[in-house]
């Protein structure tokens, strides 16, 4: 699955960082994840804390389950350092 339609947002708060992965194309949805402390890299694919989906998709889990898996893969990949010359990296935090 193409991960270019995903965006990771990290927000700093009193209780630490909150991480969100947003799917910017149809179906638009967002996940709130927390890094998986039990994973070897202490991040893993993240532990899902909250899912926000459109009402029209709310009961049809099979429709968006592949997107949720792709969002978790994107979450894990977003913490990896970019290869030199690729222009990747973190843009900012808000």
Protein backbone atom coordinates (compact mmCIF):
# COMPACT_ATOMS: atom_id res chain seq x y z
CA UNK A 1 0.00 0.00 0.00
CA UNK A 2 1.18 3.51 -0.80
CA UNK A 3 2.21 5.25 2.41
CA UNK A 4 2.46 8.73 0.84
CA UNK A 5 -1.14 9.39 1.89
CA UNK A 6 -0.20 9.11 5.59
CA UNK A 7 1.04 11.84 7.90
CA UNK A 8 2.40 11.47 11.44
CA UNK A 9 1.70 14.25 13.90
CA UNK A 10 3.48 14.43 17.23
CA UNK A 11 2.23 16.74 19.97
CA UNK A 12 4.04 17.51 23.20
CA UNK A 13 1.89 17.87 26.27
CA UNK A 14 2.02 17.73 30.05
CA UNK A 15 1.78 13.95 29.95
CA UNK A 16 4.47 13.52 27.28
CA UNK A 17 4.24 13.07 23.52
CA UNK A 18 1.08 12.03 21.70
CA UNK A 19 1.40 10.46 18.27
CA UNK A 20 -1.23 10.50 15.54
CA UNK A 21 -1.23 8.97 12.08
CA UNK A 22 -3.67 10.58 9.68
CA UNK A 23 -4.79 9.11 6.35
CA UNK A 24 -5.24 12.16 4.15
CA UNK A 25 -7.09 10.49 1.25
CA UNK A 26 -10.39 8.62 1.21
CA UNK A 27 -11.17 7.06 3.57
CA UNK A 28 -10.01 9.84 5.87
CA UNK A 29 -9.31 8.60 9.38
CA UNK A 30 -6.83 9.01 12.20
CA UNK A 31 -5.17 6.79 14.78
CA UNK A 32 -3.67 7.78 18.08
CA UNK A 33 -0.78 5.47 18.86
CA UNK A 34 1.77 5.12 21.60
CA UNK A 35 5.20 3.58 21.04
CA UNK A 36 5.35 -0.09 22.04
CA UNK A 37 7.73 -0.31 24.99
CA UNK A 38 7.90 -4.11 24.60
CA UNK A 39 9.26 -3.86 21.03
CA UNK A 40 13.02 -4.33 20.52
CA UNK A 41 13.39 -0.72 19.31
CA UNK A 42 10.91 0.58 21.96
CA UNK A 43 8.64 1.88 19.17
CA UNK A 44 7.45 -1.07 17.09
CA UNK A 45 4.28 -0.53 15.09
CA UNK A 46 2.73 1.31 17.96
CA UNK A 47 -0.11 0.43 20.26
CA UNK A 48 -3.44 1.81 19.07
CA UNK A 49 -5.07 4.02 21.69
CA UNK A 50 -7.84 5.58 19.62
CA UNK A 51 -9.30 5.31 16.12
CA UNK A 52 -11.42 8.03 14.52
CA UNK A 53 -13.26 6.98 11.33
CA UNK A 54 -16.13 8.56 9.40
CA UNK A 55 -19.61 7.47 10.52
CA UNK A 56 -20.17 5.77 7.17
CA UNK A 57 -17.28 3.39 7.93
CA UNK A 58 -17.92 2.93 11.64
CA UNK A 59 -19.29 -0.62 11.56
CA UNK A 60 -17.46 -2.10 8.57
CA UNK A 61 -14.09 -3.05 10.06
CA UNK A 62 -13.06 -5.13 7.04
CA UNK A 63 -13.23 -2.00 4.86
CA UNK A 64 -10.50 -0.15 6.67
CA UNK A 65 -8.50 -2.86 8.44
CA UNK A 66 -5.89 -2.88 5.67
CA UNK A 67 -5.50 0.88 6.10
CA UNK A 68 -4.97 0.52 9.84
CA UNK A 69 -2.20 -2.03 9.25
CA UNK A 70 -0.58 0.31 6.72
CA UNK A 71 -0.87 3.20 9.19
CA UNK A 72 0.96 1.18 11.83
CA UNK A 73 3.70 0.29 9.33
CA UNK A 74 3.99 3.98 8.44
CA UNK A 75 4.20 4.85 12.15
CA UNK A 76 7.16 2.48 12.61
CA UNK A 77 8.91 3.70 9.45
CA UNK A 78 8.43 7.37 10.37
CA UNK A 79 10.86 6.99 13.29
CA UNK A 80 13.66 5.58 11.16
CA UNK A 81 16.44 7.87 10.06
CA UNK A 82 16.30 8.82 6.38
CA UNK A 83 19.02 7.60 4.06
CA UNK A 84 21.51 10.28 3.02
CA UNK A 85 20.43 12.21 -0.06
CA UNK A 86 16.74 11.32 0.18
CA UNK A 87 15.67 14.66 1.62
CA UNK A 88 13.58 12.96 4.31
CA UNK A 89 13.39 13.82 7.94
CA UNK A 90 11.20 15.45 10.50
CA UNK A 91 9.58 18.66 9.46
CA UNK A 92 8.41 19.95 12.80
CA UNK A 93 6.40 19.38 15.91
CA UNK A 94 3.32 21.19 17.05
